[in-house]
C-alpha atoms as a PDB file:
ATOM      1  CA  MET A   1      62.750  34.895   2.017  1.00  0.00           C
ATOM      2  CA  ALA A   2      61.132  33.334   5.079  1.00  0.00           C
ATOM      3  CA  LYS A   3      61.136  35.620   8.100  1.00  0.00           C
ATOM      4  CA  ILE A   4      59.776  36.351  11.568  1.00  0.00           C
ATOM      5  CA  VAL A   5      56.918  38.879  11.590  1.00  0.00           C
ATOM      6  CA  GLY A   6      55.911  38.540  15.250  1.00  0.00           C
ATOM      7  CA  VAL A   7      57.595  37.566  18.530  1.00  0.00           C
ATOM      8  CA  CYS A   8      54.829  37.090  21.076  1.00  0.00           C
ATOM      9  CA  ILE A   9      54.435  36.254  24.777  1.00  0.00           C
ATOM     10  CA  SER A  10      51.738  36.113  27.444  1.00  0.00           C
ATOM     11  CA  ASP A  11      51.819  35.741  31.202  1.00  0.00           C
ATOM     12  CA  ARG A  12      48.994  33.149  31.255  1.00  0.00           C
ATOM     13  CA  LYS A  13      48.002  30.165  29.134  1.00  0.00           C
ATOM     14  CA  GLY A  14      44.855  30.219  26.998  1.00  0.00           C
ATOM     15  CA  ILE A  15      44.967  33.926  26.149  1.00  0.00           C
ATOM     16  CA  PRO A  16      46.269  35.837  23.120  1.00  0.00           C
ATOM     17  CA  LYS A  17      49.926  36.803  23.227  1.00  0.00           C
ATOM     18  CA  LYS A  18      51.384  40.281  22.778  1.00  0.00           C
ATOM     19  CA  ASN A  19      53.926  41.020  20.055  1.00  0.00           C
ATOM     20  CA  ILE A  20      57.045  42.294  21.848  1.00  0.00           C
ATOM     21  CA  GLY A  21      59.237  42.514  18.736  1.00  0.00           C
ATOM     22  CA  SER A  22      62.230  40.585  20.084  1.00  0.00           C
ATOM     23  CA  ALA A  23      63.062  37.994  22.740  1.00  0.00           C
ATOM     24  CA  TYR A  24      65.812  35.761  24.034  1.00  0.00           C
ATOM     25  CA  LEU A  25      65.155  32.071  23.331  1.00  0.00           C
ATOM     26  CA  GLU A  26      66.839  29.841  25.877  1.00  0.00           C
ATOM     27  CA  ARG A  27      67.968  26.333  24.992  1.00  0.00           C
ATOM     28  CA  ASP A  28      65.661  23.623  26.360  1.00  0.00           C
ATOM     29  CA  CYS A  29      63.259  26.275  27.694  1.00  0.00           C
ATOM     30  CA  GLY A  30      61.829  28.740  25.159  1.00  0.00           C
ATOM     31  CA  ILE A  31      61.075  32.356  26.089  1.00  0.00           C
ATOM     32  CA  LYS A  32      61.334  32.542  29.892  1.00  0.00           C
ATOM     33  CA  GLU A  33      58.844  35.434  30.107  1.00  0.00           C
ATOM     34  CA  ASP A  34      56.184  33.355  28.318  1.00  0.00           C
ATOM     35  CA  ALA A  35      53.599  31.249  30.147  1.00  0.00           C
ATOM     36  CA  HIS A  36      54.390  28.246  27.905  1.00  0.00           C
ATOM     37  CA  SER A  37      58.146  28.150  28.547  1.00  0.00           C
ATOM     38  CA  GLY A  38      59.773  25.129  30.115  1.00  0.00           C
ATOM     39  CA  SER A  39      61.257  21.765  29.312  1.00  0.00           C
ATOM     40  CA  GLY A  40      59.523  19.398  26.952  1.00  0.00           C
ATOM     41  CA  HIS A  41      58.943  19.261  23.239  1.00  0.00           C
ATOM     42  CA  ARG A  42      56.638  22.316  22.963  1.00  0.00           C
ATOM     43  CA  GLN A  43      58.993  25.104  24.056  1.00  0.00           C
ATOM     44  CA  ILE A  44      58.113  27.441  21.167  1.00  0.00           C
ATOM     45  CA  SER A  45      54.969  27.629  19.048  1.00  0.00           C
ATOM     46  CA  LEU A  46      55.010  28.894  15.468  1.00  0.00           C
ATOM     47  CA  LEU A  47      52.199  29.868  13.134  1.00  0.00           C
ATOM     48  CA  ALA A  48      52.441  31.152   9.571  1.00  0.00           C
ATOM     49  CA  LYS A  49      50.867  34.533   8.812  1.00  0.00           C
ATOM     50  CA  GLU A  50      49.529  32.887   5.670  1.00  0.00           C
ATOM     51  CA  SER A  51      47.592  30.433   7.882  1.00  0.00           C
ATOM     52  CA  ILE A  52      46.184  33.328   9.910  1.00  0.00           C
ATOM     53  CA  ASP A  53      45.150  35.202   6.759  1.00  0.00           C
ATOM     54  CA  LYS A  54      43.450  32.106   5.316  1.00  0.00           C
ATOM     55  CA  PHE A  55      41.659  31.469   8.604  1.00  0.00           C
ATOM     56  CA  VAL A  56      40.380  35.048   8.732  1.00  0.00           C
ATOM     57  CA  ILE A  57      39.000  34.856   5.185  1.00  0.00           C
ATOM     58  CA  GLN A  58      37.310  31.479   5.752  1.00  0.00           C
ATOM     59  CA  ASN A  59      36.063  31.812   9.319  1.00  0.00           C
ATOM     60  CA  LEU A  60      35.560  35.386  10.399  1.00  0.00           C
ATOM     61  CA  PRO A  61      31.993  35.686  11.678  1.00  0.00           C
ATOM     62  CA  MET A  62      29.744  38.564  10.809  1.00  0.00           C
ATOM     63  CA  GLY A  63      30.404  41.604  12.950  1.00  0.00           C
ATOM     64  CA  HIS A  64      34.118  40.900  13.470  1.00  0.00           C
ATOM     65  CA  THR A  65      36.741  42.860  11.582  1.00  0.00           C
ATOM     66  CA  PRO A  66      39.944  41.207  10.343  1.00  0.00           C
ATOM     67  CA  SER A  67      41.973  43.721  12.355  1.00  0.00           C
ATOM     68  CA  ALA A  68      40.578  42.119  15.536  1.00  0.00           C
ATOM     69  CA  ILE A  69      42.801  39.109  14.790  1.00  0.00           C
ATOM     70  CA  GLY A  70      46.464  39.995  14.920  1.00  0.00           C
ATOM     71  CA  LEU A  71      49.878  38.576  15.655  1.00  0.00           C
ATOM     72  CA  GLY A  72      49.699  36.461  18.803  1.00  0.00           C
ATOM     73  CA  SER A  73      45.909  36.067  18.656  1.00  0.00           C
ATOM     74  CA  PHE A  74      46.289  32.287  18.354  1.00  0.00           C
ATOM     75  CA  ALA A  75      48.777  32.198  21.268  1.00  0.00           C
ATOM     76  CA  GLU A  76      51.713  31.561  18.935  1.00  0.00           C
ATOM     77  CA  ASN A  77      55.176  32.658  20.059  1.00  0.00           C
ATOM     78  CA  LEU A  78      56.544  33.215  16.576  1.00  0.00           C
ATOM     79  CA  THR A  79      54.506  34.370  13.613  1.00  0.00           C
ATOM     80  CA  THR A  80      56.295  33.612  10.362  1.00  0.00           C
ATOM     81  CA  GLU A  81      55.960  34.590   6.724  1.00  0.00           C
ATOM     82  CA  GLY A  82      57.195  32.834   3.606  1.00  0.00           C
ATOM     83  CA  ILE A  83      57.577  29.319   5.023  1.00  0.00           C
ATOM     84  CA  ASP A  84      55.084  26.442   4.848  1.00  0.00           C
ATOM     85  CA  LEU A  85      55.375  25.387   8.490  1.00  0.00           C
ATOM     86  CA  LYS A  86      52.582  22.810   8.519  1.00  0.00           C
ATOM     87  CA  ASN A  87      54.347  20.709   5.879  1.00  0.00           C
ATOM     88  CA  LEU A  88      57.755  20.571   7.557  1.00  0.00           C
ATOM     89  CA  ALA A  89      58.832  17.150   8.778  1.00  0.00           C
ATOM     90  CA  ILE A  90      59.238  16.429  12.471  1.00  0.00           C
ATOM     91  CA  GLY A  91      62.953  16.813  13.234  1.00  0.00           C
ATOM     92  CA  THR A  92      63.488  19.619  10.692  1.00  0.00           C
ATOM     93  CA  GLU A  93      65.845  22.270  12.037  1.00  0.00           C
ATOM     94  CA  LEU A  94      65.365  25.984  11.476  1.00  0.00           C
ATOM     95  CA  LYS A  95      68.022  28.646  11.841  1.00  0.00           C
ATOM     96  CA  VAL A  96      66.423  31.903  12.972  1.00  0.00           C
ATOM     97  CA  GLY A  97      68.421  35.110  12.900  1.00  0.00           C
ATOM     98  CA  GLU A  98      72.124  34.933  13.701  1.00  0.00           C
ATOM     99  CA  THR A  99      72.291  32.117  16.256  1.00  0.00           C
ATOM    100  CA  VAL A 100      68.956  30.536  17.209  1.00  0.00           C
ATOM    101  CA  ARG A 101      68.242  26.988  16.112  1.00  0.00           C
ATOM    102  CA  LEU A 102      64.868  25.311  16.529  1.00  0.00           C
ATOM    103  CA  ARG A 103      63.899  21.677  15.934  1.00  0.00           C
ATOM    104  CA  ILE A 104      60.318  20.926  14.860  1.00  0.00           C
ATOM    105  CA  THR A 105      58.755  18.476  17.332  1.00  0.00           C
ATOM    106  CA  GLN A 106      55.014  18.582  16.600  1.00  0.00           C
ATOM    107  CA  ILE A 107      52.611  19.669  13.866  1.00  0.00           C
ATOM    108  CA  GLY A 108      49.162  20.645  15.110  1.00  0.00           C
ATOM    109  CA  LYS A 109      47.768  19.821  18.531  1.00  0.00           C
ATOM    110  CA  ASP A 110      44.758  18.534  20.408  1.00  0.00           C
ATOM    111  CA  CYS A 111      42.822  21.430  21.871  1.00  0.00           C
ATOM    112  CA  HIS A 112      41.493  20.107  25.193  1.00  0.00           C
ATOM    113  CA  THR A 113      40.507  23.503  26.569  1.00  0.00           C
ATOM    114  CA  LYS A 114      39.165  26.081  24.187  1.00  0.00           C
ATOM    115  CA  CYS A 115      41.406  29.152  23.919  1.00  0.00           C
ATOM    116  CA  ALA A 116      40.292  32.787  23.891  1.00  0.00           C
ATOM    117  CA  ILE A 117      40.207  32.956  20.069  1.00  0.00           C
ATOM    118  CA  PHE A 118      38.004  29.832  19.904  1.00  0.00           C
ATOM    119  CA  ARG A 119      35.589  31.321  22.438  1.00  0.00           C
ATOM    120  CA  LYS A 120      35.512  34.594  20.482  1.00  0.00           C
ATOM    121  CA  ILE A 121      35.338  33.283  16.894  1.00  0.00           C
ATOM    122  CA  GLY A 122      34.201  29.658  17.276  1.00  0.00           C
ATOM    123  CA  ASP A 123      37.295  28.075  15.720  1.00  0.00           C
ATOM    124  CA  CYS A 124      41.103  28.127  15.874  1.00  0.00           C
ATOM    125  CA  VAL A 125      43.842  27.406  13.333  1.00  0.00           C
ATOM    126  CA  MET A 126      46.548  26.243  15.787  1.00  0.00           C
ATOM    127  CA  PRO A 127      45.253  22.654  16.125  1.00  0.00           C
ATOM    128  CA  LEU A 128      45.656  22.146  12.359  1.00  0.00           C
ATOM    129  CA  GLU A 129      48.512  24.390  11.266  1.00  0.00           C
ATOM    130  CA  GLY A 130      50.395  25.395  14.402  1.00  0.00           C
ATOM    131  CA  VAL A 131      53.899  23.989  14.780  1.00  0.00           C
ATOM    132  CA  PHE A 132      55.875  23.355  17.943  1.00  0.00           C
ATOM    133  CA  ALA A 133      59.623  23.271  18.402  1.00  0.00           C
ATOM    134  CA  GLU A 134      62.350  22.909  20.951  1.00  0.00           C
ATOM    135  CA  VAL A 135      65.172  25.413  21.234  1.00  0.00           C
ATOM    136  CA  VAL A 136      68.419  23.675  20.241  1.00  0.00           C
ATOM    137  CA  GLN A 137      70.644  26.779  20.353  1.00  0.00           C
ATOM    138  CA  SER A 138      69.960  29.929  22.395  1.00  0.00           C
ATOM    139  CA  GLY A 139      69.989  33.501  21.183  1.00  0.00           C
ATOM    140  CA  THR A 140      67.984  36.631  20.580  1.00  0.00           C
ATOM    141  CA  ILE A 141      65.519  36.862  17.714  1.00  0.00           C
ATOM    142  CA  LYS A 142      63.569  39.830  16.405  1.00  0.00           C
ATOM    143  CA  VAL A 143      60.926  40.759  13.869  1.00  0.00           C
ATOM    144  CA  GLY A 144      62.512  40.708  10.418  1.00  0.00           C
ATOM    145  CA  ASP A 145      64.984  37.907  11.175  1.00  0.00           C
ATOM    146  CA  GLU A 146      65.423  35.398   8.369  1.00  0.00           C
ATOM    147  CA  ILE A 147      64.383  31.764   8.802  1.00  0.00           C
ATOM    148  CA  ILE A 148      66.465  29.125   7.030  1.00  0.00           C
ATOM    149  CA  VAL A 149      65.359  25.487   6.788  1.00  0.00           C
ATOM    150  CA  GLU A 150      68.403  23.302   7.399  1.00  0.00           C
END
């Protein structure tokens, strides 16, 4: 079963996000309390825990412990488990929890300004495996909610 393992926000761009456990996702906006909310095609960012784990194994420099990289470290709003996000097609819709619907709008991104994790570690997984979506249907989501590809 694919599920949400982290629901993360930050008050500024370019910094790690904090896992808050649950949030209200507003249609055509994202999470209002998050620095990245607003109109456009990148209202919500998603990253698979599997991508984070692989990144840690392949890229963690000497002297850093894996526990230093946690949910939200890559500035993702939703950390997922059990779904291959990076291979979803643009336009794919996801049902999250009871009511939320997301539509995939972008896979990967150009990283024009280096984020906090890049400055700390020297690399970042979001440009290759991060996924962006727009909120099609509002609702509250929480850690443990199931994700269904529709």
